[in-house]
Amino acid sequence: MVLPTFLRKRFNRIKLGFFLHSPFPSSEIYKTLPVREELLRALLNSDLIGFHTFDYARHFLSCCGRMLGLSYESKRGHICLEYYGRTVSIKILPVGVNMGQLKTVLALPETEAKVAELMATYSGKGRVVMLGVDDMDIFKGISLKLLAMEELLRQHPEWRGKLVLVQVANPARGRGKDVDEVKGETYAMVRRINEAYGAPGYEPVVLIDEPLQFYERVAYYVVAEVCLVTAVRDGMNLIPYEYIVSRQGNEALDRMLQPSKPEEKKSMLVVSEFIGCSPSLSGAVRVNPWNIEAVADAMESALVLPEKEKRMRHDKHYRYVDTHDVGYWATSFLQDLERTCKDHAQRRCWGIGFGLRFRVVSLDLSFRKLAMEHIVMAYRRAKTRAILLDYDGTLMPQAINKSPSANSVETLTSLCRDKSNKVFLCSGFEKGTLHDWFPCENLGLAAEHGYFLRSSRDAEWEISIPPADCSWKQIAEPVMCLYRETTDGSIIENRETVLVWNYEDADPDFGSCQAKELVDHLESVLANEPVSVKSTGHSVEVKPQGVSKGLVARRLLASMQERGMCTDFVLCIGDDRSDEEMFQMITSSTCGESLAATAEVFACTVGRKPSKAKYYLDDTAEVVRLMQGLASVSNELARAASPPEDDDE
């Protein structure tokens, strides 16, 4: 599982697929591993990660969400994760069997001979064969299968003398006390059942504990009426697929099995819910192997099912197994790998981190880090500057204490003191809160995502759209209260025109699930209200329609143009989806009319992630350093422009 990290470190642009042929544990079990994050990050260095079932993929995605804070989405039917600018795809496809190999073995003369021998042994004596093929280990549930057989014979005396369970026990892949215990328990149970229900010439359980040739195993498949797989945990288990293909047989075997009706193929499967192939076998009788009575009932129902039903189930299974063989699995996986990697050449890649924390950052060729030297040179050249800043997550890290530091306030004050600058702070907070936090004289404020605007401290608050009727809150708030009560750690923030349900302190999986439900619920009850419902990183917001930070950017630049100020420098920094509207606005052609022909525009997002911005800074600390750097340039320019003081002496 760590190999992708070493390959990615050596070749940044390698096309890398990883398929896990075993179950991925639930997050409750996985999170106990001391190296849990290292293993997840190693897997995420692949481009495509494959699993047999959605259950295994769901466990992996849940671990990524809980331990790395990553969320996934479905794009045109493909599940994707964004990891440091790279798209990691998740593929769910059970592996198949090698149809060519199985058909070749079925046609071998020794297979036909073995089938004839087994038919003489069982069918010739009026016996019905049920078959189990498992490794001799603790996960295969052999003892549970034997207990179910014992229960079946106890409850249905009519099957005594007729029903035979042939259990092929392949040698265990490992050694140890567990294997010895399983062997001892299996032998003891077989002995007990045969002593209780056996008769001269009849053993209800036949245990084959020696290695079988593949053709011999196929012959057992051919003569078995029912195949039993009762593993308590298994990755895929292709035994049911092999059984279905073997029961389909060929012309020679059909004439041996059913001389009168060789075209009528049938097979029955009783499979554990806990094996990877279970979801793809919809005609099988699925069981919980730990429920002995239920397994015994399933075995009996598989035996007495009408012949027509058995044929229908077999035909359905065979169509699936025939079309989803191992070649289809490999081709499909490689096609998805090519699709995932098709834009590698259009991305810039570089590695960061050490050891198992190594990962590759992949960014669009036009998306680059905002260099201090580059922006300072543009800042010095400019005569009229517009600076638009988000607050929470941009100037201030996401934290319990949301109030700004003294250094941040001082930096903003220095920037506002420069007559060439117009600085605007956009936030979702209330206007009273922003007024108290920022005592800067010339700082423009946009509260509640731009509904309230103020160009300076002594100016009156204005509204960006016609006055909103907030009677919709009487509908929305009770709905949010319901979700707050049922989602531990969530809170409601009731602002003047905005209602927010915040779940950043709730369980991430449950909170995200509840947020999706809440959005649907609110959209249905507020369908006729003039509001928009939006889901952000850790919250669901309801606000008046038409309110956006993009509108703030447009109004700021338009007002500067009206006052005869030809803006030749625009800097816009934000960190979340609401800020994307600002980035889109300042880089659009409609906004270009408000700017000078030579204007330099810097749209910058916080963190390396897909964005409409062309630049990025890594974190809030870098944003603060950039602002301090620009403030010091303003102070330097102010000192250079002011006349020197006269020296009276």
Foldseek 3Di string as FASTA:
>chain_A
DQVLQVVCQVPVQDLFEEEDLFAADALVVLVVDPCSVLVLLSNVSHQEYEAAAVVRVVRSQLNCCQPVVWHWDADPNWIWTQDQNAIRTYYHHHAAADLVVLQVLLPDPVLVVLLLVVCCLAVVQQAAEEEEEEEQFDQQLLLLVLLLLLVLCVVDVVNQPHYAYEYEHEYHPDDDDRSVVSVVSNVVSQVVSQVVRNDVSGRRYHYHYYDDDPSNVLSSLCRHQEYEGQGQATRADHVVLSSLSSQCGDDVSLCVPPVPCSNQTFHAYEHEPRHSCVVVQVLYNYDNSVPSNVSSVSVVCSVPPDSVSRSVSSVSSNVVSVVNHNVVVVVVSVVVSCVSSVCSVQWDWDWDDDDSNIHINIHGPLAEADDLVVVLVLLVPWQAEEEEEEQDFALHDDDPDRAHDPLSLVLVLLQQVQPRYQYEYEYLAAPVVVLVRHVRFQYWYAYNQRQWTDRGNPGDIDGLDPDFDQPCCVVLVVLLVVLPVVWPQWDWDDYDFKIKIFRPRTNSVVQVVSLVVSQVVSCVRCVPGQWHWDDWSGMIMIGGPPRANLSVLQVVLVVCVVVVHAHQEYHYEEEIDRSLSVLCNCPDPVSVVSHDPNHDYFYEYAPSYDGSGSHYHPGSVVSSVSSNSSSVSSVVVVVVPDDDDDDPD
